[in-house]
Amino acid sequence: MSNQSIETLLVGRMTSIGTTFIPVIFTDAQTGEHFRIVLYAIVVPKLFMGMFIGRSARFLGSEAWGPEGVMFTFDFGQGGVKKVRGIGL
């Protein structure tokens, strides 16, 4: 997705030159089913520093901590509700 107008605080409007896709594969903690989400990163030339330009994630439904670690509940709308166990440290 090139030629998107991006508003920044310091520089003003910039135009994107493309998009990179970052696929992430999760495993549903209850069913063991694998599912994939794709993050889109807009590529903007001549940024003074690396940064992410985006909105808050509305798909995170909840976060619960227990003896086995953290469990995240994602609501992907038509993709359904999925629970993902975090990696314990």
Protein backbone atom coordinates (compact mmCIF):
# COMPACT_ATOMS: atom_id res chain seq x y z
CA MET A 1 0.00 0.00 0.00
CA SER A 2 2.04 2.88 -1.24
CA ASN A 3 1.16 6.57 -1.55
CA GLN A 4 -0.64 6.71 1.79
CA SER A 5 -0.53 10.07 3.51
CA ILE A 6 0.94 9.74 7.03
CA GLU A 7 0.68 12.59 9.54
CA THR A 8 3.61 12.94 11.98
CA LEU A 9 4.08 15.32 14.90
CA LEU A 10 7.57 16.54 13.99
CA VAL A 11 7.73 16.42 10.19
CA GLY A 12 4.11 16.88 9.13
CA ARG A 13 2.69 14.85 6.25
CA MET A 14 4.78 12.10 4.65
CA THR A 15 3.92 9.66 1.86
CA SER A 16 4.46 5.92 2.23
CA ILE A 17 6.51 4.00 -0.34
CA GLY A 18 5.12 0.56 0.47
CA THR A 19 4.07 -1.94 3.11
CA THR A 20 5.70 -4.93 4.73
CA PHE A 21 3.69 -7.83 6.11
CA ILE A 22 4.62 -9.63 9.32
CA PRO A 23 2.75 -12.93 9.77
CA VAL A 24 2.46 -14.29 13.32
CA ILE A 25 1.24 -17.83 14.05
CA PHE A 26 -0.47 -18.60 17.37
CA THR A 27 -1.86 -21.80 18.86
CA ASP A 28 -5.30 -21.74 20.45
CA ALA A 29 -4.75 -22.76 24.10
CA GLN A 30 -8.05 -24.66 24.28
CA THR A 31 -8.23 -26.47 20.93
CA GLY A 32 -4.57 -26.64 19.84
CA GLU A 33 -5.61 -25.16 16.48
CA HIS A 34 -3.04 -22.93 14.75
CA PHE A 35 -4.15 -19.56 13.43
CA ARG A 36 -2.35 -16.68 11.79
CA ILE A 37 -2.66 -12.93 12.06
CA VAL A 38 -0.81 -10.56 9.77
CA LEU A 39 0.58 -7.24 11.01
CA TYR A 40 1.01 -4.55 8.39
CA ALA A 41 3.86 -2.06 8.70
CA ILE A 42 3.80 1.01 6.48
CA VAL A 43 7.20 1.92 5.01
CA VAL A 44 7.95 5.65 5.06
CA PRO A 45 11.24 7.07 3.68
CA LYS A 46 13.59 9.40 5.54
CA LEU A 47 12.30 8.88 9.06
CA PHE A 48 14.71 10.25 11.65
CA MET A 49 14.25 7.17 13.86
CA GLY A 50 12.53 3.80 13.77
CA MET A 51 8.95 4.09 14.96
CA PHE A 52 5.55 2.49 14.73
CA ILE A 53 2.62 4.53 13.50
CA GLY A 54 -0.68 2.93 14.38
CA ARG A 55 -3.76 2.67 16.52
CA SER A 56 -4.52 0.81 19.71
CA ALA A 57 -5.26 -2.89 19.31
CA ARG A 58 -8.98 -3.50 19.77
CA PHE A 59 -8.75 -7.25 19.33
CA LEU A 60 -7.25 -7.92 22.80
CA GLY A 61 -10.24 -8.91 24.91
CA SER A 62 -8.57 -9.70 28.23
CA GLU A 63 -5.40 -10.77 29.99
CA ALA A 64 -5.49 -13.20 32.93
CA TRP A 65 -2.56 -14.35 35.08
CA GLY A 66 -2.50 -17.78 36.74
CA PRO A 67 -0.08 -20.44 37.96
CA GLU A 68 0.61 -21.60 34.38
CA GLY A 69 1.40 -18.11 33.09
CA VAL A 70 -0.60 -15.45 31.30
CA MET A 71 -3.61 -16.17 29.08
CA PHE A 72 -4.67 -13.63 26.44
CA THR A 73 -8.17 -13.62 24.95
CA PHE A 74 -8.35 -12.15 21.45
CA ASP A 75 -11.59 -11.25 19.69
CA PHE A 76 -11.05 -11.20 15.93
CA GLY A 77 -14.66 -10.37 15.10
CA GLN A 78 -15.74 -12.76 12.34
CA GLY A 79 -12.53 -14.70 12.99
CA GLY A 80 -13.90 -15.65 16.41
CA VAL A 81 -12.62 -15.50 19.96
CA LYS A 82 -9.28 -17.24 20.64
CA LYS A 83 -7.34 -17.81 23.87
CA VAL A 84 -3.53 -17.86 23.66
CA ARG A 85 -1.21 -18.83 26.50
CA GLY A 86 1.78 -16.54 26.91
CA ILE A 87 5.32 -17.86 27.16
CA GLY A 88 6.35 -18.34 30.79
CA LEU A 89 9.67 -16.91 31.85
